[in-house]
């Protein structure tokens, strides 16, 4: 997952939306630019680091790259179930080709992805149109798995929502399609049950604040 320290709420919200709906174990790894052998940036810190995924996975297995400004509305394991070994990568081929790379299901072990090295990524003229691959090596994912808010025709069945104009945390985009759902996931990501619900009947009530002891004393 791309990481941008200017909007950590987007990362936390997306991660929470994945965990809340996944039916299988899932590992989320933020690609933090200072921790990898790449210095190139663009509009975001992960403009180019997204193409490091096969290298980061030692060119083995399947892995999914996601932009930070997304939420899942469905089980992410269903997306991985679409993986087809005949492709080097799979994307939602919407009309805005430069957005294809916003969500890439990488077949990391495919020979054609071996060119995605730190050195080549650092110097490549263009990669966002998946142009290191032949057309037949790029598989198509259903459009509902990368619905571009503000560009795609509004729909009620989006499984993955991409707030490519900006997440609804901003005044400029607070009324975006699916804003209510993004806010629900954001609140879940940053919220907590009351202290008493979590700790009220634990031994810690004796040391946190003496005034709590009578209120939560066990009979």
N, C-alpha and C. Protein backbone atom coordinates (compact mmCIF):
# COMPACT_ATOMS: atom_id res chain seq x y z
N UNK A 1 0.85 -1.18 0.00
CA UNK A 1 0.00 0.00 0.00
C UNK A 1 0.88 1.23 0.00
N UNK A 2 0.56 2.19 -0.87
CA UNK A 2 1.31 3.43 -0.87
C UNK A 2 1.15 4.15 0.46
N UNK A 3 2.19 4.85 0.88
CA UNK A 3 2.11 5.60 2.14
C UNK A 3 2.51 7.04 1.89
N UNK A 4 1.76 7.95 2.49
CA UNK A 4 2.01 9.38 2.34
C UNK A 4 1.86 9.99 3.72
N UNK A 5 2.97 10.47 4.29
CA UNK A 5 2.91 10.98 5.66
C UNK A 5 2.15 12.29 5.79
N UNK A 6 1.66 12.83 4.67
CA UNK A 6 0.81 14.02 4.71
C UNK A 6 -0.64 13.66 5.00
N UNK A 7 -1.01 12.38 4.85
CA UNK A 7 -2.39 11.97 5.08
C UNK A 7 -2.45 10.56 5.69
N UNK A 8 -1.88 10.38 6.89
CA UNK A 8 -1.91 9.06 7.51
C UNK A 8 -3.32 8.54 7.76
N UNK A 9 -4.30 9.43 7.89
CA UNK A 9 -5.67 8.98 8.10
C UNK A 9 -6.15 8.14 6.92
N UNK A 10 -5.68 8.44 5.72
CA UNK A 10 -6.09 7.67 4.55
C UNK A 10 -5.57 6.24 4.63
N UNK A 11 -4.31 6.10 5.04
CA UNK A 11 -3.73 4.77 5.19
C UNK A 11 -4.48 3.97 6.25
N UNK A 12 -4.71 4.58 7.40
CA UNK A 12 -5.37 3.88 8.50
C UNK A 12 -6.79 3.49 8.14
N UNK A 13 -7.49 4.37 7.45
CA UNK A 13 -8.86 4.08 7.05
C UNK A 13 -8.92 2.95 6.05
N UNK A 14 -8.05 2.98 5.05
CA UNK A 14 -8.04 1.89 4.07
C UNK A 14 -7.69 0.57 4.73
N UNK A 15 -6.67 0.56 5.57
CA UNK A 15 -6.27 -0.67 6.24
C UNK A 15 -7.42 -1.23 7.08
N UNK A 16 -8.12 -0.35 7.79
CA UNK A 16 -9.25 -0.79 8.61
C UNK A 16 -10.37 -1.35 7.76
N UNK A 17 -10.63 -0.72 6.62
CA UNK A 17 -11.70 -1.21 5.74
C UNK A 17 -11.38 -2.61 5.21
N UNK A 18 -10.11 -2.90 5.02
CA UNK A 18 -9.70 -4.23 4.57
C UNK A 18 -9.92 -5.25 5.68
N UNK A 19 -9.40 -4.97 6.86
CA UNK A 19 -9.49 -5.92 7.97
C UNK A 19 -10.93 -6.18 8.39
N UNK A 20 -11.77 -5.16 8.31
CA UNK A 20 -13.16 -5.32 8.76
C UNK A 20 -13.95 -6.29 7.89
N UNK A 21 -13.50 -6.48 6.64
CA UNK A 21 -14.31 -7.25 5.69
C UNK A 21 -13.62 -8.50 5.14
N UNK A 22 -12.37 -8.68 5.48
CA UNK A 22 -11.65 -9.83 4.94
C UNK A 22 -12.05 -11.12 5.66
N UNK A 23 -12.24 -12.18 4.89
CA UNK A 23 -12.60 -13.48 5.47
C UNK A 23 -11.37 -14.36 5.67
N UNK A 24 -10.20 -13.87 5.22
CA UNK A 24 -8.97 -14.64 5.34
C UNK A 24 -7.88 -13.73 5.91
N UNK A 25 -6.83 -14.34 6.47
CA UNK A 25 -5.72 -13.51 6.97
C UNK A 25 -5.13 -12.66 5.85
N UNK A 26 -4.82 -11.42 6.16
CA UNK A 26 -4.25 -10.52 5.17
C UNK A 26 -3.17 -9.67 5.83
N UNK A 27 -2.06 -9.50 5.15
CA UNK A 27 -0.96 -8.67 5.66
C UNK A 27 -0.89 -7.39 4.84
N UNK A 28 -0.87 -6.27 5.52
CA UNK A 28 -0.79 -4.97 4.86
C UNK A 28 0.58 -4.36 5.16
N UNK A 29 1.30 -4.01 4.10
CA UNK A 29 2.63 -3.42 4.25
C UNK A 29 2.66 -2.04 3.61
N UNK A 30 2.90 -0.99 4.39
CA UNK A 30 3.04 0.34 3.79
C UNK A 30 4.39 0.45 3.10
N UNK A 31 4.41 1.00 1.90
CA UNK A 31 5.68 1.24 1.22
C UNK A 31 6.13 2.64 1.60
N UNK A 32 7.03 2.70 2.57
CA UNK A 32 7.53 3.97 3.11
C UNK A 32 8.84 4.28 2.41
N UNK A 33 8.87 5.35 1.65
CA UNK A 33 9.97 5.62 0.74
C UNK A 33 11.36 5.56 1.38
N UNK A 34 11.59 6.15 2.56
CA UNK A 34 12.94 6.12 3.13
C UNK A 34 13.43 4.72 3.49
N UNK A 35 12.54 3.72 3.47
CA UNK A 35 12.94 2.37 3.88
C UNK A 35 13.28 1.47 2.70
N UNK A 36 13.19 1.98 1.48
CA UNK A 36 13.48 1.17 0.30
C UNK A 36 14.53 1.86 -0.56
N UNK A 37 15.21 1.10 -1.42
CA UNK A 37 16.28 1.69 -2.25
C UNK A 37 15.74 2.43 -3.48
N UNK A 38 14.93 3.45 -3.21
CA UNK A 38 14.37 4.27 -4.28
C UNK A 38 14.18 5.68 -3.73
N UNK A 39 14.52 6.67 -4.51
CA UNK A 39 14.37 8.06 -4.05
C UNK A 39 13.37 8.84 -4.89
N UNK A 40 12.97 8.30 -6.00
CA UNK A 40 12.13 9.02 -6.95
C UNK A 40 10.73 9.24 -6.41
N UNK A 41 10.22 10.45 -6.54
CA UNK A 41 8.86 10.76 -6.11
C UNK A 41 8.12 11.45 -7.26
N UNK A 42 6.85 11.70 -7.05
CA UNK A 42 6.02 12.40 -8.02
C UNK A 42 4.99 13.21 -7.26
N UNK A 43 3.75 13.14 -7.69
CA UNK A 43 2.68 13.81 -6.96
C UNK A 43 2.59 13.30 -5.53
N UNK A 44 2.88 12.01 -5.35
CA UNK A 44 2.90 11.38 -4.03
C UNK A 44 4.24 10.67 -3.83
N UNK A 45 4.57 10.30 -2.59
CA UNK A 45 5.79 9.54 -2.36
C UNK A 45 5.78 8.17 -3.03
N UNK A 46 4.58 7.65 -3.31
CA UNK A 46 4.50 6.30 -3.89
C UNK A 46 4.19 6.31 -5.39
N UNK A 47 4.33 7.46 -6.03
CA UNK A 47 4.08 7.54 -7.47
C UNK A 47 4.90 6.49 -8.22
N UNK A 48 6.15 6.30 -7.81
CA UNK A 48 7.02 5.33 -8.48
C UNK A 48 7.28 4.08 -7.64
N UNK A 49 7.18 4.19 -6.33
CA UNK A 49 7.52 3.05 -5.48
C UNK A 49 6.54 1.89 -5.64
N UNK A 50 5.35 2.14 -6.19
CA UNK A 50 4.38 1.07 -6.43
C UNK A 50 4.96 -0.05 -7.29
N UNK A 51 5.85 0.31 -8.18
CA UNK A 51 6.41 -0.67 -9.11
C UNK A 51 7.51 -1.52 -8.46
N UNK A 52 7.80 -1.23 -7.19
CA UNK A 52 8.78 -2.01 -6.44
C UNK A 52 8.18 -3.30 -5.88
N UNK A 53 6.88 -3.48 -5.97
CA UNK A 53 6.22 -4.60 -5.31
C UNK A 53 6.82 -5.97 -5.70
N UNK A 54 7.00 -6.30 -6.98
CA UNK A 54 7.61 -7.59 -7.29
C UNK A 54 9.00 -7.76 -6.66
N UNK A 55 9.81 -6.70 -6.70
CA UNK A 55 11.14 -6.74 -6.09
C UNK A 55 11.03 -6.94 -4.58
N UNK A 56 10.12 -6.23 -3.94
CA UNK A 56 9.93 -6.36 -2.50
C UNK A 56 9.46 -7.76 -2.11
N UNK A 57 8.77 -8.43 -3.03
CA UNK A 57 8.28 -9.79 -2.79
C UNK A 57 9.25 -10.85 -3.30
N UNK A 58 10.47 -10.41 -3.61
CA UNK A 58 11.50 -11.34 -4.10
C UNK A 58 11.04 -12.07 -5.35
N UNK A 59 10.21 -11.40 -6.14
CA UNK A 59 9.71 -11.95 -7.40
C UNK A 59 9.03 -13.32 -7.19
N UNK A 60 8.21 -13.39 -6.15
CA UNK A 60 7.51 -14.64 -5.84
C UNK A 60 6.05 -14.34 -5.48
N UNK A 61 5.15 -15.20 -5.92
CA UNK A 61 3.76 -15.13 -5.51
C UNK A 61 2.98 -13.98 -6.11
N UNK A 62 1.80 -13.78 -5.55
CA UNK A 62 0.91 -12.69 -5.96
C UNK A 62 0.86 -11.64 -4.85
N UNK A 63 0.81 -10.39 -5.26
CA UNK A 63 0.69 -9.29 -4.29
C UNK A 63 -0.11 -8.17 -4.93
N UNK A 64 -0.79 -7.42 -4.09
CA UNK A 64 -1.65 -6.34 -4.56
C UNK A 64 -1.08 -5.00 -4.13
N UNK A 65 -0.91 -4.09 -5.08
CA UNK A 65 -0.60 -2.70 -4.72
C UNK A 65 -1.88 -1.89 -4.76
N UNK A 66 -2.02 -0.98 -3.77
CA UNK A 66 -3.17 -0.10 -3.71
C UNK A 66 -2.72 1.32 -3.39
N UNK A 67 -3.33 2.29 -4.07
CA UNK A 67 -3.17 3.68 -3.67
C UNK A 67 -3.75 3.86 -2.27
N UNK A 68 -3.35 4.93 -1.60
CA UNK A 68 -3.75 5.15 -0.22
C UNK A 68 -5.19 5.64 -0.08
N UNK A 69 -5.72 6.27 -1.15
CA UNK A 69 -7.02 6.94 -1.06
C UNK A 69 -8.18 6.03 -1.51
N UNK A 70 -8.27 4.88 -0.90
CA UNK A 70 -9.28 3.88 -1.26
C UNK A 70 -9.94 3.33 0.00
N UNK A 71 -11.06 2.65 -0.19
CA UNK A 71 -11.64 1.80 0.85
C UNK A 71 -12.19 0.54 0.18
N UNK A 72 -12.20 -0.54 0.94
CA UNK A 72 -12.82 -1.79 0.49
C UNK A 72 -14.24 -1.85 1.02
N UNK A 73 -15.15 -2.22 0.16
CA UNK A 73 -16.54 -2.43 0.58
C UNK A 73 -16.88 -3.92 0.54
N UNK A 74 -15.94 -4.74 0.16
CA UNK A 74 -16.15 -6.18 0.05
C UNK A 74 -14.89 -6.89 0.49
N UNK A 75 -14.96 -8.19 0.51
CA UNK A 75 -13.88 -9.06 0.97
C UNK A 75 -12.71 -9.03 -0.01
N UNK A 76 -11.54 -8.61 0.45
CA UNK A 76 -10.38 -8.51 -0.43
C UNK A 76 -9.93 -9.87 -0.96
N UNK A 77 -10.28 -10.93 -0.26
CA UNK A 77 -9.91 -12.27 -0.75
C UNK A 77 -10.61 -12.59 -2.07
N UNK A 78 -11.75 -11.96 -2.31
CA UNK A 78 -12.45 -12.14 -3.59
C UNK A 78 -11.64 -11.53 -4.73
N UNK A 79 -10.93 -10.46 -4.43
CA UNK A 79 -10.08 -9.84 -5.44
C UNK A 79 -8.89 -10.74 -5.77
N UNK A 80 -8.26 -11.28 -4.75
CA UNK A 80 -7.14 -12.19 -4.98
C UNK A 80 -7.60 -13.46 -5.71
N UNK A 81 -8.85 -13.84 -5.52
CA UNK A 81 -9.37 -15.04 -6.20
C UNK A 81 -9.44 -14.85 -7.71
N UNK A 82 -9.37 -13.61 -8.18
CA UNK A 82 -9.40 -13.33 -9.61
C UNK A 82 -8.04 -13.48 -10.28
N UNK A 83 -7.00 -13.71 -9.49
CA UNK A 83 -5.64 -13.82 -10.02
C UNK A 83 -5.56 -14.95 -11.04
N UNK A 84 -4.97 -14.65 -12.19
CA UNK A 84 -4.83 -15.61 -13.29
C UNK A 84 -3.35 -15.67 -13.67
N UNK A 85 -2.75 -16.84 -13.53
CA UNK A 85 -1.32 -17.00 -13.73
C UNK A 85 -0.83 -16.69 -15.14
N UNK A 86 -1.73 -16.59 -16.08
CA UNK A 86 -1.28 -16.31 -17.45
C UNK A 86 -0.92 -14.84 -17.63
N UNK A 87 -1.26 -14.01 -16.64
CA UNK A 87 -0.96 -12.58 -16.72
C UNK A 87 0.20 -12.21 -15.81
N UNK A 88 0.95 -11.20 -16.21
CA UNK A 88 2.01 -10.66 -15.37
C UNK A 88 1.44 -9.68 -14.34
N UNK A 89 0.35 -9.05 -14.70
CA UNK A 89 -0.33 -8.12 -13.81
C UNK A 89 -1.78 -7.99 -14.24
N UNK A 90 -2.64 -7.60 -13.29
CA UNK A 90 -4.04 -7.40 -13.59
C UNK A 90 -4.48 -6.06 -13.01
N UNK A 91 -5.25 -5.31 -13.80
CA UNK A 91 -5.70 -3.98 -13.39
C UNK A 91 -7.13 -3.77 -13.87
N UNK A 92 -7.78 -2.77 -13.31
CA UNK A 92 -9.07 -2.35 -13.82
C UNK A 92 -8.81 -1.39 -14.97
N UNK A 93 -9.19 -1.79 -16.17
CA UNK A 93 -8.85 -1.01 -17.37
C UNK A 93 -9.91 0.04 -17.65
N UNK A 94 -9.97 1.04 -16.77
CA UNK A 94 -10.93 2.12 -16.98
C UNK A 94 -10.41 3.09 -18.03
N UNK A 95 -11.21 4.07 -18.38
CA UNK A 95 -10.88 4.97 -19.48
C UNK A 95 -9.68 5.86 -19.19
N UNK A 96 -9.38 6.08 -17.91
CA UNK A 96 -8.23 6.91 -17.54
C UNK A 96 -7.02 5.99 -17.35
N UNK A 97 -6.27 5.80 -18.41
CA UNK A 97 -5.22 4.79 -18.39
C UNK A 97 -4.15 5.05 -17.33
N UNK A 98 -3.91 6.32 -17.01
CA UNK A 98 -2.89 6.59 -16.00
C UNK A 98 -3.33 6.14 -14.61
N UNK A 99 -4.63 5.82 -14.46
CA UNK A 99 -5.12 5.31 -13.19
C UNK A 99 -5.06 3.78 -13.12
N UNK A 100 -4.70 3.12 -14.21
CA UNK A 100 -4.59 1.67 -14.16
C UNK A 100 -3.65 1.23 -13.03
N UNK A 101 -2.57 1.97 -12.86
CA UNK A 101 -1.55 1.57 -11.89
C UNK A 101 -1.93 1.90 -10.45
N UNK A 102 -3.11 2.48 -10.23
CA UNK A 102 -3.52 2.80 -8.87
C UNK A 102 -3.86 1.54 -8.07
N UNK A 103 -4.20 0.48 -8.77
CA UNK A 103 -4.44 -0.82 -8.14
C UNK A 103 -3.90 -1.89 -9.09
N UNK A 104 -2.84 -2.56 -8.68
CA UNK A 104 -2.20 -3.57 -9.52
C UNK A 104 -2.12 -4.89 -8.76
N UNK A 105 -2.71 -5.91 -9.33
CA UNK A 105 -2.55 -7.26 -8.80
C UNK A 105 -1.36 -7.87 -9.55
N UNK A 106 -0.23 -7.93 -8.86
CA UNK A 106 1.03 -8.37 -9.46
C UNK A 106 1.22 -9.88 -9.37
N UNK A 107 1.53 -10.50 -10.49
CA UNK A 107 2.04 -11.86 -10.51
C UNK A 107 3.56 -11.71 -10.38
N UNK A 108 4.04 -11.63 -9.16
CA UNK A 108 5.42 -11.21 -8.92
C UNK A 108 6.45 -12.12 -9.56
N UNK A 109 6.11 -13.41 -9.71
CA UNK A 109 7.05 -14.35 -10.28
C UNK A 109 7.07 -14.40 -11.79
N UNK A 110 6.21 -13.63 -12.45
CA UNK A 110 6.19 -13.65 -13.91
C UNK A 110 7.49 -13.07 -14.45
N UNK A 111 8.11 -13.74 -15.43
CA UNK A 111 9.41 -13.28 -15.95
C UNK A 111 9.41 -11.82 -16.42
N UNK A 112 8.30 -11.35 -16.96
CA UNK A 112 8.27 -9.99 -17.48
C UNK A 112 8.37 -8.92 -16.39
N UNK A 113 8.13 -9.31 -15.15
CA UNK A 113 8.24 -8.35 -14.06
C UNK A 113 9.65 -8.24 -13.50
N UNK A 114 10.56 -9.04 -14.00
CA UNK A 114 11.95 -9.01 -13.53
C UNK A 114 12.63 -7.68 -13.89
N UNK A 115 12.07 -6.96 -14.85
CA UNK A 115 12.67 -5.66 -15.22
C UNK A 115 12.37 -4.58 -14.18
N UNK A 116 11.45 -4.86 -13.28
CA UNK A 116 11.09 -3.88 -12.25
C UNK A 116 12.09 -3.96 -11.10
N UNK A 117 13.25 -3.40 -11.34
CA UNK A 117 14.31 -3.31 -10.35
C UNK A 117 14.41 -1.87 -9.86
N UNK A 118 14.99 -1.64 -8.69
CA UNK A 118 15.13 -0.25 -8.22
C UNK A 118 15.83 0.64 -9.24
N UNK A 119 16.87 0.15 -9.87
CA UNK A 119 17.61 0.95 -10.84
C UNK A 119 16.74 1.33 -12.04
N UNK A 120 16.00 0.36 -12.57
CA UNK A 120 15.16 0.64 -13.74
C UNK A 120 13.99 1.55 -13.40
N UNK A 121 13.42 1.38 -12.23
CA UNK A 121 12.30 2.22 -11.82
C UNK A 121 12.77 3.66 -11.61
N UNK A 122 13.96 3.81 -11.08
CA UNK A 122 14.50 5.14 -10.84
C UNK A 122 14.67 5.94 -12.13
N UNK A 123 14.94 5.24 -13.23
CA UNK A 123 15.26 5.94 -14.47
C UNK A 123 14.20 5.81 -15.57
N UNK A 124 13.15 5.01 -15.33
CA UNK A 124 12.15 4.76 -16.37
C UNK A 124 11.43 6.04 -16.76
N UNK A 125 11.16 6.18 -18.07
CA UNK A 125 10.44 7.34 -18.56
C UNK A 125 8.96 7.26 -18.19
N UNK A 126 8.39 6.07 -18.31
CA UNK A 126 6.97 5.89 -18.00
C UNK A 126 6.70 4.43 -17.67
N UNK A 127 5.87 4.21 -16.65
CA UNK A 127 5.47 2.85 -16.28
C UNK A 127 3.96 2.77 -16.00
N UNK A 128 3.33 3.91 -15.78
CA UNK A 128 1.96 3.92 -15.28
C UNK A 128 0.94 3.35 -16.27
N UNK A 129 1.29 3.31 -17.54
CA UNK A 129 0.41 2.67 -18.52
C UNK A 129 0.68 1.19 -18.69
N UNK A 130 1.45 0.62 -17.72
CA UNK A 130 1.81 -0.81 -17.74
C UNK A 130 2.63 -1.15 -18.99
N UNK A 131 3.41 -0.17 -19.46
CA UNK A 131 4.07 -0.35 -20.75
C UNK A 131 5.37 -1.15 -20.69
N UNK A 132 5.73 -1.69 -19.53
CA UNK A 132 6.84 -2.65 -19.50
C UNK A 132 6.35 -4.05 -19.89
N UNK A 133 5.02 -4.17 -20.04
CA UNK A 133 4.41 -5.45 -20.39
C UNK A 133 3.79 -5.40 -21.78
N UNK A 134 3.66 -6.55 -22.39
CA UNK A 134 2.90 -6.66 -23.63
C UNK A 134 1.42 -6.57 -23.29
N UNK A 135 0.61 -6.13 -24.23
CA UNK A 135 -0.82 -5.97 -23.98
C UNK A 135 -1.46 -7.26 -23.46
N UNK A 136 -1.04 -8.38 -24.04
CA UNK A 136 -1.64 -9.66 -23.66
C UNK A 136 -1.18 -10.15 -22.28
N UNK A 137 -0.22 -9.47 -21.69
CA UNK A 137 0.26 -9.85 -20.36
C UNK A 137 -0.46 -9.09 -19.25
N UNK A 138 -1.35 -8.17 -19.63
CA UNK A 138 -2.09 -7.37 -18.65
C UNK A 138 -3.54 -7.81 -18.64
N UNK A 139 -3.94 -8.46 -17.56
CA UNK A 139 -5.31 -8.92 -17.44
C UNK A 139 -6.24 -7.83 -16.93
N UNK A 140 -7.53 -8.01 -17.16
CA UNK A 140 -8.53 -7.01 -16.76
C UNK A 140 -9.28 -7.46 -15.52
N UNK A 141 -9.36 -6.56 -14.55
CA UNK A 141 -10.19 -6.76 -13.37
C UNK A 141 -11.52 -6.04 -13.58
N UNK A 142 -12.60 -6.55 -13.02
CA UNK A 142 -13.90 -5.87 -13.15
C UNK A 142 -13.84 -4.45 -12.60
N UNK A 143 -14.56 -3.55 -13.26
CA UNK A 143 -14.53 -2.14 -12.89
C UNK A 143 -14.94 -1.86 -11.46
N UNK A 144 -15.76 -2.73 -10.87
CA UNK A 144 -16.20 -2.47 -9.49
C UNK A 144 -15.07 -2.63 -8.47
N UNK A 145 -13.93 -3.17 -8.93
CA UNK A 145 -12.78 -3.32 -8.05
C UNK A 145 -11.81 -2.15 -8.12
N UNK A 146 -12.19 -1.08 -8.82
CA UNK A 146 -11.45 0.19 -8.74
C UNK A 146 -12.35 1.28 -9.30
N UNK A 147 -13.37 1.60 -8.52
CA UNK A 147 -14.35 2.62 -8.94
C UNK A 147 -13.79 4.00 -8.66
N UNK A 148 -13.60 4.79 -9.71
CA UNK A 148 -13.01 6.12 -9.58
C UNK A 148 -14.08 7.17 -9.29
N UNK A 149 -14.15 7.59 -8.05
CA UNK A 149 -15.13 8.59 -7.63
C UNK A 149 -14.87 9.90 -8.36
N UNK A 150 -15.93 10.45 -8.92
CA UNK A 150 -15.82 11.72 -9.63
C UNK A 150 -15.53 11.59 -11.11
N UNK A 151 -15.18 10.39 -11.53
CA UNK A 151 -14.87 10.15 -12.94
C UNK A 151 -15.75 9.04 -13.53
N UNK A 152 -15.83 7.91 -12.84
CA UNK A 152 -16.69 6.84 -13.30
C UNK A 152 -18.16 7.18 -13.01
N UNK A 153 -19.05 6.61 -13.80
CA UNK A 153 -20.48 6.79 -13.56
C UNK A 153 -20.83 6.26 -12.17
N UNK A 154 -21.53 7.03 -11.35
CA UNK A 154 -21.89 6.56 -10.01
C UNK A 154 -22.57 5.19 -10.05
N UNK A 155 -22.24 4.37 -9.08
CA UNK A 155 -22.81 3.02 -9.01
C UNK A 155 -22.96 2.64 -7.54
N UNK A 156 -23.86 1.72 -7.28
CA UNK A 156 -24.10 1.30 -5.90
C UNK A 156 -23.37 0.02 -5.54
N UNK A 157 -22.77 -0.64 -6.54
CA UNK A 157 -22.19 -1.96 -6.29
C UNK A 157 -20.67 -1.97 -6.28
N UNK A 158 -20.04 -0.81 -6.10
CA UNK A 158 -18.57 -0.77 -6.08
C UNK A 158 -18.05 -1.62 -4.92
N UNK A 159 -17.05 -2.42 -5.21
CA UNK A 159 -16.43 -3.26 -4.19
C UNK A 159 -15.19 -2.59 -3.61
N UNK A 160 -14.53 -1.80 -4.43
CA UNK A 160 -13.38 -1.02 -4.00
C UNK A 160 -13.58 0.40 -4.54
N UNK A 161 -13.55 1.36 -3.64
CA UNK A 161 -13.82 2.75 -4.00
C UNK A 161 -12.51 3.54 -3.95
N UNK A 162 -12.23 4.27 -5.03
CA UNK A 162 -10.99 5.05 -5.14
C UNK A 162 -11.34 6.53 -5.18
N UNK A 163 -10.97 7.24 -4.11
CA UNK A 163 -11.22 8.68 -4.03
C UNK A 163 -10.04 9.43 -4.66
N UNK A 164 -9.90 9.27 -5.96
CA UNK A 164 -8.71 9.79 -6.63
C UNK A 164 -8.65 11.32 -6.64
N UNK A 165 -9.78 12.00 -6.39
CA UNK A 165 -9.77 13.47 -6.28
C UNK A 165 -9.44 13.93 -4.86
N UNK A 166 -9.33 12.97 -3.94
CA UNK A 166 -9.09 13.29 -2.54
C UNK A 166 -10.11 12.62 -1.65
N UNK A 167 -9.69 12.09 -0.52
CA UNK A 167 -10.61 11.43 0.40
C UNK A 167 -11.57 12.46 1.01
N UNK A 168 -12.70 12.02 1.54
CA UNK A 168 -13.70 12.96 2.06
C UNK A 168 -13.29 13.68 3.35
N UNK A 169 -12.05 13.56 3.76
CA UNK A 169 -11.58 14.30 4.94
C UNK A 169 -11.45 15.79 4.66
N UNK A 170 -11.43 16.15 3.38
CA UNK A 170 -11.19 17.54 2.99
C UNK A 170 -12.51 18.25 2.69
N UNK A 171 -12.53 19.55 2.92
CA UNK A 171 -13.70 20.36 2.62
C UNK A 171 -14.08 20.24 1.14
N UNK A 172 -13.04 20.19 0.28
CA UNK A 172 -13.28 20.16 -1.16
C UNK A 172 -13.94 18.86 -1.63
N UNK A 173 -13.79 17.79 -0.89
CA UNK A 173 -14.30 16.48 -1.33
C UNK A 173 -15.20 15.82 -0.29
N UNK A 174 -15.67 16.59 0.67
CA UNK A 174 -16.45 15.99 1.75
C UNK A 174 -17.79 15.41 1.29
N UNK A 175 -18.29 15.87 0.15
CA UNK A 175 -19.58 15.39 -0.34
C UNK A 175 -19.43 14.39 -1.48
N UNK A 176 -18.27 13.79 -1.60
CA UNK A 176 -18.02 12.83 -2.67
C UNK A 176 -18.92 11.61 -2.55
N UNK A 177 -19.10 10.93 -3.67
CA UNK A 177 -19.79 9.64 -3.67
C UNK A 177 -19.08 8.72 -2.69
N UNK A 178 -19.83 8.01 -1.90
CA UNK A 178 -19.32 7.06 -0.89
C UNK A 178 -18.63 7.76 0.28
N UNK A 179 -18.83 9.07 0.43
CA UNK A 179 -18.20 9.78 1.54
C UNK A 179 -18.66 9.25 2.90
N UNK A 180 -19.93 8.91 3.00
CA UNK A 180 -20.47 8.42 4.28
C UNK A 180 -19.76 7.14 4.69
N UNK A 181 -19.50 6.26 3.73
CA UNK A 181 -18.85 4.99 4.06
C UNK A 181 -17.38 5.21 4.42
N UNK A 182 -16.72 6.15 3.73
CA UNK A 182 -15.34 6.45 4.10
C UNK A 182 -15.29 6.97 5.53
N UNK A 183 -16.20 7.85 5.88
CA UNK A 183 -16.21 8.41 7.22
C UNK A 183 -16.50 7.36 8.28
N UNK A 184 -17.36 6.40 7.95
CA UNK A 184 -17.65 5.31 8.89
C UNK A 184 -16.40 4.49 9.16
N UNK A 185 -15.66 4.17 8.10
CA UNK A 185 -14.42 3.41 8.28
C UNK A 185 -13.36 4.24 8.99
N UNK A 186 -13.30 5.53 8.70
CA UNK A 186 -12.34 6.41 9.38
C UNK A 186 -12.62 6.47 10.88
N UNK A 187 -13.89 6.57 11.24
CA UNK A 187 -14.26 6.62 12.65
C UNK A 187 -13.92 5.30 13.34
N UNK A 188 -14.14 4.19 12.63
CA UNK A 188 -13.78 2.88 13.19
C UNK A 188 -12.27 2.77 13.37
N UNK A 189 -11.52 3.35 12.43
CA UNK A 189 -10.06 3.27 12.50
C UNK A 189 -9.49 4.07 13.65
N UNK A 190 -10.12 5.18 13.97
CA UNK A 190 -9.57 6.08 14.98
C UNK A 190 -10.30 6.01 16.31
N UNK A 191 -11.36 5.23 16.39
CA UNK A 191 -12.19 5.21 17.58
C UNK A 191 -11.80 4.14 18.57
N UNK A 192 -12.50 4.12 19.67
CA UNK A 192 -12.31 3.10 20.69
C UNK A 192 -13.57 3.02 21.53
N UNK A 193 -13.80 1.87 22.13
CA UNK A 193 -14.86 1.75 23.13
C UNK A 193 -14.43 2.50 24.39
N UNK A 194 -15.36 2.85 25.27
CA UNK A 194 -14.99 3.55 26.50
C UNK A 194 -13.98 2.76 27.33
N UNK A 195 -13.16 3.49 28.08
CA UNK A 195 -12.14 2.85 28.92
C UNK A 195 -12.76 1.81 29.83
N UNK A 196 -13.90 2.13 30.38
CA UNK A 196 -14.55 1.20 31.32
C UNK A 196 -14.92 -0.12 30.65
N UNK A 197 -15.32 -0.07 29.39
CA UNK A 197 -15.68 -1.29 28.67
C UNK A 197 -14.47 -2.21 28.52
N UNK A 198 -13.32 -1.61 28.26
CA UNK A 198 -12.12 -2.40 28.03
C UNK A 198 -11.41 -2.80 29.31
N UNK A 199 -11.34 -1.86 30.26
CA UNK A 199 -10.47 -2.06 31.42
C UNK A 199 -11.19 -2.01 32.77
N UNK A 200 -12.48 -1.70 32.74
CA UNK A 200 -13.19 -1.44 33.99
C UNK A 200 -13.18 -2.56 34.99
N UNK A 201 -13.07 -3.80 34.55
CA UNK A 201 -13.07 -4.94 35.48
C UNK A 201 -11.71 -5.61 35.54
N UNK A 202 -10.68 -4.87 35.16
CA UNK A 202 -9.32 -5.42 35.21
C UNK A 202 -8.62 -4.95 36.48
N UNK A 203 -7.45 -5.53 36.74
CA UNK A 203 -6.66 -5.13 37.91
C UNK A 203 -6.14 -3.71 37.78
N UNK A 204 -6.16 -3.16 36.57
CA UNK A 204 -5.59 -1.83 36.36
C UNK A 204 -6.43 -0.71 36.96
N UNK A 205 -7.66 -1.01 37.30
CA UNK A 205 -8.48 0.03 37.92
C UNK A 205 -7.89 0.46 39.26
N UNK A 206 -7.06 -0.39 39.86
CA UNK A 206 -6.50 -0.08 41.18
C UNK A 206 -5.33 0.90 41.09
N UNK A 207 -4.72 0.99 39.93
CA UNK A 207 -3.52 1.81 39.81
C UNK A 207 -3.70 3.02 38.89
N UNK A 208 -4.71 3.01 38.05
CA UNK A 208 -4.91 4.13 37.13
C UNK A 208 -5.45 5.35 37.87
N UNK A 209 -6.48 5.14 38.66
CA UNK A 209 -7.12 6.26 39.36
C UNK A 209 -7.93 5.68 40.51
N UNK A 210 -7.58 6.06 41.70
CA UNK A 210 -8.25 5.50 42.86
C UNK A 210 -9.75 5.70 42.84
N UNK A 211 -10.21 6.75 42.21
CA UNK A 211 -11.63 7.02 42.16
C UNK A 211 -12.39 5.98 41.36
N UNK A 212 -11.67 5.23 40.49
CA UNK A 212 -12.33 4.24 39.66
C UNK A 212 -12.65 2.96 40.42
N UNK A 213 -11.91 2.72 41.49
CA UNK A 213 -12.04 1.45 42.19
C UNK A 213 -13.45 1.18 42.68
N UNK A 214 -14.08 2.09 43.40
CA UNK A 214 -15.44 1.80 43.87
C UNK A 214 -16.42 1.55 42.73
N UNK A 215 -16.31 2.33 41.67
CA UNK A 215 -17.26 2.22 40.56
C UNK A 215 -17.18 0.86 39.87
N UNK A 216 -15.98 0.31 39.75
CA UNK A 216 -15.82 -0.94 39.02
C UNK A 216 -15.44 -2.11 39.93
N UNK A 217 -15.62 -1.93 41.23
CA UNK A 217 -15.29 -2.99 42.17
C UNK A 217 -16.18 -4.20 41.94
N UNK A 218 -15.56 -5.36 41.91
CA UNK A 218 -16.32 -6.59 41.71
C UNK A 218 -16.97 -7.00 43.01
N UNK A 219 -18.21 -7.42 42.93
CA UNK A 219 -18.94 -7.86 44.12
C UNK A 219 -18.62 -9.32 44.42
